Amino acid sequence: GGGTGGTNINGLIVKSKNPITFNVGGSGGDGSKSGKVEVIRGSSNT
């Protein structure tokens, strides 16, 4: 399974003309494909 994205906390306290705050949250990871599963026990003749 994919991991959990990181939490992003951003705070700005400013006395200024043009404050800009830009924030991007962390993305979760992708899960991966599983393999083929085969089980054979005996045969139709045995």
ModelCIF file with pLDDT and N, C-alpha, C, O atoms, coordinates in Angstrom:
data_MODEL
#
_entry.id   MODEL 
#
_entity.id                         1 
_entity.type                       polymer 
_entity.pdbx_number_of_molecules   1 
#
_entity_poly.entity_id                      1 
_entity_poly.type                           'polypeptide(L)' 
_entity_poly.nstd_linkage                   no 
_entity_poly.nstd_monomer                   no 
_entity_poly.pdbx_seq_one_letter_code       GGGTGGTNINGLIVKSKNPITFNVGGSGGDGSKSGKVEVIRGSSNT 
_entity_poly.pdbx_seq_one_letter_code_can   GGGTGGTNINGLIVKSKNPITFNVGGSGGDGSKSGKVEVIRGSSNT 
_entity_poly.pdbx_strand_id                 A 
#
loop_
_entity_poly_seq.entity_id 
_entity_poly_seq.num 
_entity_poly_seq.mon_id 
_entity_poly_seq.hetero 
1 1  GLY n 
1 2  GLY n 
1 3  GLY n 
1 4  THR n 
1 5  GLY n 
1 6  GLY n 
1 7  THR n 
1 8  ASN n 
1 9  ILE n 
1 10 ASN n 
1 11 GLY n 
1 12 LEU n 
1 13 ILE n 
1 14 VAL n 
1 15 LYS n 
1 16 SER n 
1 17 LYS n 
1 18 ASN n 
1 19 PRO n 
1 20 ILE n 
1 21 THR n 
1 22 PHE n 
1 23 ASN n 
1 24 VAL n 
1 25 GLY n 
1 26 GLY n 
1 27 SER n 
1 28 GLY n 
1 29 GLY n 
1 30 ASP n 
1 31 GLY n 
1 32 SER n 
1 33 LYS n 
1 34 SER n 
1 35 GLY n 
1 36 LYS n 
1 37 VAL n 
1 38 GLU n 
1 39 VAL n 
1 40 ILE n 
1 41 ARG n 
1 42 GLY n 
1 43 SER n 
1 44 SER n 
1 45 ASN n 
1 46 THR n 
#
_struct_asym.id          A 
_struct_asym.entity_id   1 
#
loop_
_ma_qa_metric.id 
_ma_qa_metric.mode 
_ma_qa_metric.name 
_ma_qa_metric.software_group_id 
_ma_qa_metric.type 
1 global pLDDT . pLDDT 
2 local  pLDDT . pLDDT 
#
_ma_qa_metric_global.metric_id      1 
_ma_qa_metric_global.metric_value   90.35 
_ma_qa_metric_global.model_id       1 
_ma_qa_metric_global.ordinal_id     1 
#
loop_
_ma_qa_metric_local.label_asym_id 
_ma_qa_metric_local.label_comp_id 
_ma_qa_metric_local.label_seq_id 
_ma_qa_metric_local.metric_id 
_ma_qa_metric_local.metric_value 
_ma_qa_metric_local.model_id 
_ma_qa_metric_local.ordinal_id 
A GLY 1  2 97.00 1 1  
A GLY 2  2 97.00 1 2  
A GLY 3  2 97.00 1 3  
A THR 4  2 95.00 1 4  
A GLY 5  2 95.00 1 5  
A GLY 6  2 92.00 1 6  
A THR 7  2 90.00 1 7  
A ASN 8  2 90.00 1 8  
A ILE 9  2 90.00 1 9  
A ASN 10 2 87.00 1 10 
A GLY 11 2 84.00 1 11 
A LEU 12 2 83.00 1 12 
A ILE 13 2 81.00 1 13 
A VAL 14 2 77.00 1 14 
A LYS 15 2 75.00 1 15 
A SER 16 2 65.00 1 16 
A LYS 17 2 68.00 1 17 
A ASN 18 2 74.00 1 18 
A PRO 19 2 80.00 1 19 
A ILE 20 2 83.00 1 20 
A THR 21 2 85.00 1 21 
A PHE 22 2 86.00 1 22 
A ASN 23 2 88.00 1 23 
A VAL 24 2 90.00 1 24 
A GLY 25 2 89.00 1 25 
A GLY 26 2 93.00 1 26 
A SER 27 2 95.00 1 27 
A GLY 28 2 96.00 1 28 
A GLY 29 2 97.00 1 29 
A ASP 30 2 97.00 1 30 
A GLY 31 2 97.00 1 31 
A SER 32 2 97.00 1 32 
A LYS 33 2 96.00 1 33 
A SER 34 2 97.00 1 34 
A GLY 35 2 98.00 1 35 
A LYS 36 2 98.00 1 36 
A VAL 37 2 98.00 1 37 
A GLU 38 2 98.00 1 38 
A VAL 39 2 98.00 1 39 
A ILE 40 2 98.00 1 40 
A ARG 41 2 98.00 1 41 
A GLY 42 2 95.00 1 42 
A SER 43 2 94.00 1 43 
A SER 44 2 91.00 1 44 
A ASN 45 2 93.00 1 45 
A THR 46 2 94.00 1 46 
#
loop_
_atom_site.group_PDB 
_atom_site.id 
_atom_site.type_symbol 
_atom_site.label_atom_id 
_atom_site.label_alt_id 
_atom_site.label_comp_id 
_atom_site.label_asym_id 
_atom_site.label_entity_id 
_atom_site.label_seq_id 
_atom_site.pdbx_PDB_ins_code 
_atom_site.Cartn_x 
_atom_site.Cartn_y 
_atom_site.Cartn_z 
_atom_site.occupancy 
_atom_site.B_iso_or_equiv 
_atom_site.pdbx_formal_charge 
_atom_site.auth_seq_id 
_atom_site.auth_comp_id 
_atom_site.auth_asym_id 
_atom_site.auth_atom_id 
_atom_site.pdbx_PDB_model_num 
ATOM 1   N N  . GLY A 1 1  ? 0.820  -1.211  0.000   1.00 97.00 ? 1  GLY A N  1 
ATOM 2   C CA . GLY A 1 1  ? 0.000  0.000   0.000   1.00 97.00 ? 1  GLY A CA 1 
ATOM 3   C C  . GLY A 1 1  ? 0.855  1.262   0.000   1.00 97.00 ? 1  GLY A C  1 
ATOM 4   O O  . GLY A 1 1  ? 1.977  1.260   0.505   1.00 97.00 ? 1  GLY A O  1 
ATOM 5   N N  . GLY A 1 2  ? 0.321  2.332   -0.565  1.00 97.00 ? 2  GLY A N  1 
ATOM 6   C CA . GLY A 1 2  ? 1.019  3.607   -0.567  1.00 97.00 ? 2  GLY A CA 1 
ATOM 7   C C  . GLY A 1 2  ? 1.013  4.256   0.803   1.00 97.00 ? 2  GLY A C  1 
ATOM 8   O O  . GLY A 1 2  ? 0.080  4.062   1.582   1.00 97.00 ? 2  GLY A O  1 
ATOM 9   N N  . GLY A 1 3  ? 2.040  5.017   1.098   1.00 97.00 ? 3  GLY A N  1 
ATOM 10  C CA . GLY A 1 3  ? 2.139  5.712   2.379   1.00 97.00 ? 3  GLY A CA 1 
ATOM 11  C C  . GLY A 1 3  ? 1.234  6.936   2.434   1.00 97.00 ? 3  GLY A C  1 
ATOM 12  O O  . GLY A 1 3  ? 0.665  7.359   1.427   1.00 97.00 ? 3  GLY A O  1 
ATOM 13  N N  . THR A 1 4  ? 1.119  7.487   3.625   1.00 95.00 ? 4  THR A N  1 
ATOM 14  C CA . THR A 1 4  ? 0.297  8.673   3.864   1.00 95.00 ? 4  THR A CA 1 
ATOM 15  C C  . THR A 1 4  ? 1.110  9.940   3.651   1.00 95.00 ? 4  THR A C  1 
ATOM 16  O O  . THR A 1 4  ? 2.243  10.046  4.121   1.00 95.00 ? 4  THR A O  1 
ATOM 17  N N  . GLY A 1 5  ? 0.525  10.907  2.938   1.00 95.00 ? 5  GLY A N  1 
ATOM 18  C CA . GLY A 1 5  ? 1.209  12.165  2.687   1.00 95.00 ? 5  GLY A CA 1 
ATOM 19  C C  . GLY A 1 5  ? 1.428  12.957  3.961   1.00 95.00 ? 5  GLY A C  1 
ATOM 20  O O  . GLY A 1 5  ? 0.683  12.810  4.930   1.00 95.00 ? 5  GLY A O  1 
ATOM 21  N N  . GLY A 1 6  ? 2.448  13.794  3.956   1.00 92.00 ? 6  GLY A N  1 
ATOM 22  C CA . GLY A 1 6  ? 2.785  14.570  5.136   1.00 92.00 ? 6  GLY A CA 1 
ATOM 23  C C  . GLY A 1 6  ? 1.840  15.746  5.350   1.00 92.00 ? 6  GLY A C  1 
ATOM 24  O O  . GLY A 1 6  ? 1.357  16.349  4.391   1.00 92.00 ? 6  GLY A O  1 
ATOM 25  N N  . THR A 1 7  ? 1.579  16.068  6.620   1.00 90.00 ? 7  THR A N  1 
ATOM 26  C CA . THR A 1 7  ? 0.763  17.226  6.967   1.00 90.00 ? 7  THR A CA 1 
ATOM 27  C C  . THR A 1 7  ? 1.561  18.514  6.753   1.00 90.00 ? 7  THR A C  1 
ATOM 28  O O  . THR A 1 7  ? 2.747  18.581  7.078   1.00 90.00 ? 7  THR A O  1 
ATOM 29  N N  . ASN A 1 8  ? 0.899  19.531  6.204   1.00 90.00 ? 8  ASN A N  1 
ATOM 30  C CA . ASN A 1 8  ? 1.547  20.809  5.947   1.00 90.00 ? 8  ASN A CA 1 
ATOM 31  C C  . ASN A 1 8  ? 0.827  21.907  6.724   1.00 90.00 ? 8  ASN A C  1 
ATOM 32  O O  . ASN A 1 8  ? -0.360 22.150  6.505   1.00 90.00 ? 8  ASN A O  1 
ATOM 33  N N  . ILE A 1 9  ? 1.549  22.576  7.637   1.00 90.00 ? 9  ILE A N  1 
ATOM 34  C CA . ILE A 1 9  ? 0.992  23.673  8.434   1.00 90.00 ? 9  ILE A CA 1 
ATOM 35  C C  . ILE A 1 9  ? 1.853  24.908  8.177   1.00 90.00 ? 9  ILE A C  1 
ATOM 36  O O  . ILE A 1 9  ? 3.067  24.881  8.379   1.00 90.00 ? 9  ILE A O  1 
ATOM 37  N N  . ASN A 1 10 ? 1.224  25.973  7.738   1.00 87.00 ? 10 ASN A N  1 
ATOM 38  C CA . ASN A 1 10 ? 1.964  27.181  7.369   1.00 87.00 ? 10 ASN A CA 1 
ATOM 39  C C  . ASN A 1 10 ? 1.259  28.396  7.948   1.00 87.00 ? 10 ASN A C  1 
ATOM 40  O O  . ASN A 1 10 ? 0.075  28.614  7.690   1.00 87.00 ? 10 ASN A O  1 
ATOM 41  N N  . GLY A 1 11 ? 1.988  29.190  8.734   1.00 84.00 ? 11 GLY A N  1 
ATOM 42  C CA . GLY A 1 11 ? 1.418  30.386  9.326   1.00 84.00 ? 11 GLY A CA 1 
ATOM 43  C C  . GLY A 1 11 ? 2.260  31.609  9.012   1.00 84.00 ? 11 GLY A C  1 
ATOM 44  O O  . GLY A 1 11 ? 3.490  31.540  9.019   1.00 84.00 ? 11 GLY A O  1 
ATOM 45  N N  . LEU A 1 12 ? 1.602  32.731  8.736   1.00 83.00 ? 12 LEU A N  1 
ATOM 46  C CA . LEU A 1 12 ? 2.290  33.978  8.391   1.00 83.00 ? 12 LEU A CA 1 
ATOM 47  C C  . LEU A 1 12 ? 1.659  35.127  9.170   1.00 83.00 ? 12 LEU A C  1 
ATOM 48  O O  . LEU A 1 12 ? 0.466  35.395  9.031   1.00 83.00 ? 12 LEU A O  1 
ATOM 49  N N  . ILE A 1 13 ? 2.465  35.807  9.994   1.00 81.00 ? 13 ILE A N  1 
ATOM 50  C CA . ILE A 1 13 ? 2.041  37.022  10.689  1.00 81.00 ? 13 ILE A CA 1 
ATOM 51  C C  . ILE A 1 13 ? 2.901  38.155  10.143  1.00 81.00 ? 13 ILE A C  1 
ATOM 52  O O  . ILE A 1 13 ? 4.127  38.120  10.255  1.00 81.00 ? 13 ILE A O  1 
ATOM 53  N N  . VAL A 1 14 ? 2.263  39.153  9.555   1.00 77.00 ? 14 VAL A N  1 
ATOM 54  C CA . VAL A 1 14 ? 3.046  40.126  8.801   1.00 77.00 ? 14 VAL A CA 1 
ATOM 55  C C  . VAL A 1 14 ? 2.411  41.507  8.874   1.00 77.00 ? 14 VAL A C  1 
ATOM 56  O O  . VAL A 1 14 ? 1.188  41.648  8.884   1.00 77.00 ? 14 VAL A O  1 
ATOM 57  N N  . LYS A 1 15 ? 3.274  42.532  8.924   1.00 75.00 ? 15 LYS A N  1 
ATOM 58  C CA . LYS A 1 15 ? 2.867  43.916  8.753   1.00 75.00 ? 15 LYS A CA 1 
ATOM 59  C C  . LYS A 1 15 ? 3.594  44.398  7.517   1.00 75.00 ? 15 LYS A C  1 
ATOM 60  O O  . LYS A 1 15 ? 4.721  44.889  7.579   1.00 75.00 ? 15 LYS A O  1 
ATOM 61  N N  . SER A 1 16 ? 2.917  44.243  6.391   1.00 65.00 ? 16 SER A N  1 
ATOM 62  C CA . SER A 1 16 ? 3.584  44.455  5.115   1.00 65.00 ? 16 SER A CA 1 
ATOM 63  C C  . SER A 1 16 ? 2.558  44.818  4.068   1.00 65.00 ? 16 SER A C  1 
ATOM 64  O O  . SER A 1 16 ? 1.354  44.665  4.275   1.00 65.00 ? 16 SER A O  1 
ATOM 65  N N  . LYS A 1 17 ? 3.043  45.297  2.952   1.00 68.00 ? 17 LYS A N  1 
ATOM 66  C CA . LYS A 1 17 ? 2.155  45.764  1.895   1.00 68.00 ? 17 LYS A CA 1 
ATOM 67  C C  . LYS A 1 17 ? 1.447  44.629  1.167   1.00 68.00 ? 17 LYS A C  1 
ATOM 68  O O  . LYS A 1 17 ? 0.235  44.694  0.959   1.00 68.00 ? 17 LYS A O  1 
ATOM 69  N N  . ASN A 1 18 ? 2.181  43.592  0.776   1.00 74.00 ? 18 ASN A N  1 
ATOM 70  C CA . ASN A 1 18 ? 1.619  42.538  -0.075  1.00 74.00 ? 18 ASN A CA 1 
ATOM 71  C C  . ASN A 1 18 ? 2.042  41.150  0.419   1.00 74.00 ? 18 ASN A C  1 
ATOM 72  O O  . ASN A 1 18 ? 2.919  40.541  -0.193  1.00 74.00 ? 18 ASN A O  1 
ATOM 73  N N  . PRO A 1 19 ? 1.453  40.626  1.502   1.00 80.00 ? 19 PRO A N  1 
ATOM 74  C CA . PRO A 1 19 ? 1.812  39.281  1.940   1.00 80.00 ? 19 PRO A CA 1 
ATOM 75  C C  . PRO A 1 19 ? 1.208  38.217  1.026   1.00 80.00 ? 19 PRO A C  1 
ATOM 76  O O  . PRO A 1 19 ? 0.073  38.344  0.567   1.00 80.00 ? 19 PRO A O  1 
ATOM 77  N N  . ILE A 1 20 ? 1.986  37.170  0.771   1.00 83.00 ? 20 ILE A N  1 
ATOM 78  C CA . ILE A 1 20 ? 1.546  36.058  -0.082  1.00 83.00 ? 20 ILE A CA 1 
ATOM 79  C C  . ILE A 1 20 ? 1.862  34.757  0.652   1.00 83.00 ? 20 ILE A C  1 
ATOM 80  O O  . ILE A 1 20 ? 2.993  34.544  1.090   1.00 83.00 ? 20 ILE A O  1 
ATOM 81  N N  . THR A 1 21 ? 0.862  33.893  0.784   1.00 85.00 ? 21 THR A N  1 
ATOM 82  C CA . THR A 1 21 ? 1.057  32.581  1.398   1.00 85.00 ? 21 THR A CA 1 
ATOM 83  C C  . THR A 1 21 ? 0.637  31.507  0.396   1.00 85.00 ? 21 THR A C  1 
ATOM 84  O O  . THR A 1 21 ? -0.463 31.548  -0.156  1.00 85.00 ? 21 THR A O  1 
ATOM 85  N N  . PHE A 1 22 ? 1.537  30.542  0.174   1.00 86.00 ? 22 PHE A N  1 
ATOM 86  C CA . PHE A 1 22 ? 1.263  29.473  -0.796  1.00 86.00 ? 22 PHE A CA 1 
ATOM 87  C C  . PHE A 1 22 ? 1.551  28.134  -0.125  1.00 86.00 ? 22 PHE A C  1 
ATOM 88  O O  . PHE A 1 22 ? 2.622  27.940  0.449   1.00 86.00 ? 22 PHE A O  1 
ATOM 89  N N  . ASN A 1 23 ? 0.584  27.202  -0.199  1.00 88.00 ? 23 ASN A N  1 
ATOM 90  C CA . ASN A 1 23 ? 0.682  25.940  0.527   1.00 88.00 ? 23 ASN A CA 1 
ATOM 91  C C  . ASN A 1 23 ? 0.218  24.775  -0.340  1.00 88.00 ? 23 ASN A C  1 
ATOM 92  O O  . ASN A 1 23 ? -0.789 24.869  -1.042  1.00 88.00 ? 23 ASN A O  1 
ATOM 93  N N  . VAL A 1 24 ? 0.959  23.687  -0.280  1.00 90.00 ? 24 VAL A N  1 
ATOM 94  C CA . VAL A 1 24 ? 0.603  22.472  -1.022  1.00 90.00 ? 24 VAL A CA 1 
ATOM 95  C C  . VAL A 1 24 ? 0.697  21.292  -0.074  1.00 90.00 ? 24 VAL A C  1 
ATOM 96  O O  . VAL A 1 24 ? 1.733  21.085  0.558   1.00 90.00 ? 24 VAL A O  1 
ATOM 97  N N  . GLY A 1 25 ? -0.372 20.516  0.033   1.00 89.00 ? 25 GLY A N  1 
ATOM 98  C CA . GLY A 1 25 ? -0.363 19.338  0.897   1.00 89.00 ? 25 GLY A CA 1 
ATOM 99  C C  . GLY A 1 25 ? 0.409  18.184  0.284   1.00 89.00 ? 25 GLY A C  1 
ATOM 100 O O  . GLY A 1 25 ? 0.520  18.085  -0.938  1.00 89.00 ? 25 GLY A O  1 
ATOM 101 N N  . GLY A 1 26 ? 0.941  17.315  1.127   1.00 93.00 ? 26 GLY A N  1 
ATOM 102 C CA . GLY A 1 26 ? 1.656  16.133  0.650   1.00 93.00 ? 26 GLY A CA 1 
ATOM 103 C C  . GLY A 1 26 ? 0.704  15.090  0.093   1.00 93.00 ? 26 GLY A C  1 
ATOM 104 O O  . GLY A 1 26 ? -0.363 14.851  0.659   1.00 93.00 ? 26 GLY A O  1 
ATOM 105 N N  . SER A 1 27 ? 1.087  14.470  -1.013  1.00 95.00 ? 27 SER A N  1 
ATOM 106 C CA . SER A 1 27 ? 0.242  13.466  -1.665  1.00 95.00 ? 27 SER A CA 1 
ATOM 107 C C  . SER A 1 27 ? 0.522  12.074  -1.109  1.00 95.00 ? 27 SER A C  1 
ATOM 108 O O  . SER A 1 27 ? 1.644  11.766  -0.707  1.00 95.00 ? 27 SER A O  1 
ATOM 109 N N  . GLY A 1 28 ? -0.516 11.238  -1.092  1.00 96.00 ? 28 GLY A N  1 
ATOM 110 C CA . GLY A 1 28 ? -0.345 9.849   -0.691  1.00 96.00 ? 28 GLY A CA 1 
ATOM 111 C C  . GLY A 1 28 ? 0.332  9.032   -1.778  1.00 96.00 ? 28 GLY A C  1 
ATOM 112 O O  . GLY A 1 28 ? 0.220  9.353   -2.961  1.00 96.00 ? 28 GLY A O  1 
ATOM 113 N N  . GLY A 1 29 ? 1.027  7.988   -1.386  1.00 97.00 ? 29 GLY A N  1 
ATOM 114 C CA . GLY A 1 29 ? 1.696  7.120   -2.346  1.00 97.00 ? 29 GLY A CA 1 
ATOM 115 C C  . GLY A 1 29 ? 0.732  6.178   -3.043  1.00 97.00 ? 29 GLY A C  1 
ATOM 116 O O  . GLY A 1 29 ? -0.346 5.882   -2.527  1.00 97.00 ? 29 GLY A O  1 
ATOM 117 N N  . ASP A 1 30 ? 1.127  5.710   -4.220  1.00 97.00 ? 30 ASP A N  1 
ATOM 118 C CA . ASP A 1 30 ? 0.315  4.752   -4.982  1.00 97.00 ? 30 ASP A CA 1 
ATOM 119 C C  . ASP A 1 30 ? 0.512  3.333   -4.452  1.00 97.00 ? 30 ASP A C  1 
ATOM 120 O O  . ASP A 1 30 ? 1.610  2.959   -4.040  1.00 97.00 ? 30 ASP A O  1 
ATOM 121 N N  . GLY A 1 31 ? -0.572 2.549   -4.468  1.00 97.00 ? 31 GLY A N  1 
ATOM 122 C CA . GLY A 1 31 ? -0.441 1.126   -4.176  1.00 97.00 ? 31 GLY A CA 1 
ATOM 123 C C  . GLY A 1 31 ? 0.152  0.384   -5.363  1.00 97.00 ? 31 GLY A C  1 
ATOM 124 O O  . GLY A 1 31 ? 0.140  0.893   -6.484  1.00 97.00 ? 31 GLY A O  1 
ATOM 125 N N  . SER A 1 32 ? 0.664  -0.804  -5.128  1.00 97.00 ? 32 SER A N  1 
ATOM 126 C CA . SER A 1 32 ? 1.311  -1.582  -6.186  1.00 97.00 ? 32 SER A CA 1 
ATOM 127 C C  . SER A 1 32 ? 0.551  -2.873  -6.474  1.00 97.00 ? 32 SER A C  1 
ATOM 128 O O  . SER A 1 32 ? -0.177 -3.394  -5.629  1.00 97.00 ? 32 SER A O  1 
ATOM 129 N N  . LYS A 1 33 ? 0.741  -3.360  -7.671  1.00 96.00 ? 33 LYS A N  1 
ATOM 130 C CA . LYS A 1 33 ? 0.011  -4.523  -8.174  1.00 96.00 ? 33 LYS A CA 1 
ATOM 131 C C  . LYS A 1 33 ? 0.471  -5.791  -7.473  1.00 96.00 ? 33 LYS A C  1 
ATOM 132 O O  . LYS A 1 33 ? 1.644  -5.946  -7.133  1.00 96.00 ? 33 LYS A O  1 
ATOM 133 N N  . SER A 1 34 ? -0.470 -6.684  -7.268  1.00 97.00 ? 34 SER A N  1 
ATOM 134 C CA . SER A 1 34 ? -0.155 -7.992  -6.705  1.00 97.00 ? 34 SER A CA 1 
ATOM 135 C C  . SER A 1 34 ? 0.136  -8.993  -7.824  1.00 97.00 ? 34 SER A C  1 
ATOM 136 O O  . SER A 1 34 ? -0.165 -8.749  -8.992  1.00 97.00 ? 34 SER A O  1 
ATOM 137 N N  . GLY A 1 35 ? 0.724  -10.113 -7.442  1.00 98.00 ? 35 GLY A N  1 
ATOM 138 C CA . GLY A 1 35 ? 1.084  -11.137 -8.419  1.00 98.00 ? 35 GLY A CA 1 
ATOM 139 C C  . GLY A 1 35 ? -0.027 -12.161 -8.638  1.00 98.00 ? 35 GLY A C  1 
ATOM 140 O O  . GLY A 1 35 ? -1.038 -12.169 -7.935  1.00 98.00 ? 35 GLY A O  1 
ATOM 141 N N  . LYS A 1 36 ? 0.183  -13.007 -9.613  1.00 98.00 ? 36 LYS A N  1 
ATOM 142 C CA . LYS A 1 36 ? -0.743 -14.098 -9.921  1.00 98.00 ? 36 LYS A CA 1 
ATOM 143 C C  . LYS A 1 36 ? -0.601 -15.191 -8.861  1.00 98.00 ? 36 LYS A C  1 
ATOM 144 O O  . LYS A 1 36 ? 0.500  -15.468 -8.385  1.00 98.00 ? 36 LYS A O  1 
ATOM 145 N N  . VAL A 1 37 ? -1.735 -15.810 -8.497  1.00 98.00 ? 37 VAL A N  1 
ATOM 146 C CA . VAL A 1 37 ? -1.743 -16.873 -7.491  1.00 98.00 ? 37 VAL A CA 1 
ATOM 147 C C  . VAL A 1 37 ? -2.303 -18.146 -8.114  1.00 98.00 ? 37 VAL A C  1 
ATOM 148 O O  . VAL A 1 37 ? -3.373 -18.137 -8.724  1.00 98.00 ? 37 VAL A O  1 
ATOM 149 N N  . GLU A 1 38 ? -1.568 -19.234 -7.951  1.00 98.00 ? 38 GLU A N  1 
ATOM 150 C CA . GLU A 1 38 ? -1.975 -20.521 -8.530  1.00 98.00 ? 38 GLU A CA 1 
ATOM 151 C C  . GLU A 1 38 ? -1.796 -21.621 -7.483  1.00 98.00 ? 38 GLU A C  1 
ATOM 152 O O  . GLU A 1 38 ? -0.741 -21.739 -6.859  1.00 98.00 ? 38 GLU A O  1 
ATOM 153 N N  . VAL A 1 39 ? -2.841 -22.418 -7.307  1.00 98.00 ? 39 VAL A N  1 
ATOM 154 C CA . VAL A 1 39 ? -2.782 -23.564 -6.401  1.00 98.00 ? 39 VAL A CA 1 
ATOM 155 C C  . VAL A 1 39 ? -3.269 -24.790 -7.164  1.00 98.00 ? 39 VAL A C  1 
ATOM 156 O O  . VAL A 1 39 ? -4.373 -24.790 -7.709  1.00 98.00 ? 39 VAL A O  1 
ATOM 157 N N  . ILE A 1 40 ? -2.443 -25.837 -7.204  1.00 98.00 ? 40 ILE A N  1 
ATOM 158 C CA . ILE A 1 40 ? -2.814 -27.107 -7.854  1.00 98.00 ? 40 ILE A CA 1 
ATOM 159 C C  . ILE A 1 40 ? -2.560 -28.230 -6.866  1.00 98.00 ? 40 ILE A C  1 
ATOM 160 O O  . ILE A 1 40 ? -1.454 -28.366 -6.343  1.00 98.00 ? 40 ILE A O  1 
ATOM 161 N N  . ARG A 1 41 ? -3.584 -29.035 -6.609  1.00 98.00 ? 41 ARG A N  1 
ATOM 162 C CA . ARG A 1 41 ? -3.458 -30.186 -5.722  1.00 98.00 ? 41 ARG A CA 1 
ATOM 163 C C  . ARG A 1 41 ? -3.966 -31.430 -6.446  1.00 98.00 ? 41 ARG A C  1 
ATOM 164 O O  . ARG A 1 41 ? -5.154 -31.566 -6.736  1.00 98.00 ? 41 ARG A O  1 
ATOM 165 N N  . GLY A 1 42 ? -3.032 -32.327 -6.725  1.00 95.00 ? 42 GLY A N  1 
ATOM 166 C CA . GLY A 1 42 ? -3.379 -33.540 -7.447  1.00 95.00 ? 42 GLY A CA 1 
ATOM 167 C C  . GLY A 1 42 ? -3.766 -33.236 -8.884  1.00 95.00 ? 42 GLY A C  1 
ATOM 168 O O  . GLY A 1 42 ? -3.413 -32.191 -9.429  1.00 95.00 ? 42 GLY A O  1 
ATOM 169 N N  . SER A 1 43 ? -4.502 -34.169 -9.493  1.00 94.00 ? 43 SER A N  1 
ATOM 170 C CA . SER A 1 43 ? -4.969 -34.000 -10.868 1.00 94.00 ? 43 SER A CA 1 
ATOM 171 C C  . SER A 1 43 ? -6.292 -34.720 -11.027 1.00 94.00 ? 43 SER A C  1 
ATOM 172 O O  . SER A 1 43 ? -6.735 -35.449 -10.140 1.00 94.00 ? 43 SER A O  1 
ATOM 173 N N  . SER A 1 44 ? -6.913 -34.500 -12.174 1.00 91.00 ? 44 SER A N  1 
ATOM 174 C CA . SER A 1 44 ? -8.204 -35.149 -12.417 1.00 91.00 ? 44 SER A CA 1 
ATOM 175 C C  . SER A 1 44 ? -8.075 -36.665 -12.432 1.00 91.00 ? 44 SER A C  1 
ATOM 176 O O  . SER A 1 44 ? -9.024 -37.373 -12.096 1.00 91.00 ? 44 SER A O  1 
ATOM 177 N N  . ASN A 1 45 ? -6.917 -37.161 -12.816 1.00 93.00 ? 45 ASN A N  1 
ATOM 178 C CA . ASN A 1 45 ? -6.697 -38.616 -12.862 1.00 93.00 ? 45 ASN A CA 1 
ATOM 179 C C  . ASN A 1 45 ? -6.149 -39.166 -11.556 1.00 93.00 ? 45 ASN A C  1 
ATOM 180 O O  . ASN A 1 45 ? -6.263 -40.362 -11.288 1.00 93.00 ? 45 ASN A O  1 
ATOM 181 N N  . THR A 1 46 ? -5.551 -38.296 -10.735 1.00 94.00 ? 46 THR A N  1 
ATOM 182 C CA . THR A 1 46 ? -4.933 -38.744 -9.488  1.00 94.00 ? 46 THR A CA 1 
ATOM 183 C C  . THR A 1 46 ? -5.360 -37.843 -8.351  1.00 94.00 ? 46 THR A C  1 
ATOM 184 O O  . THR A 1 46 ? -4.947 -38.051 -7.210  1.00 94.00 ? 46 THR A O  1 
#
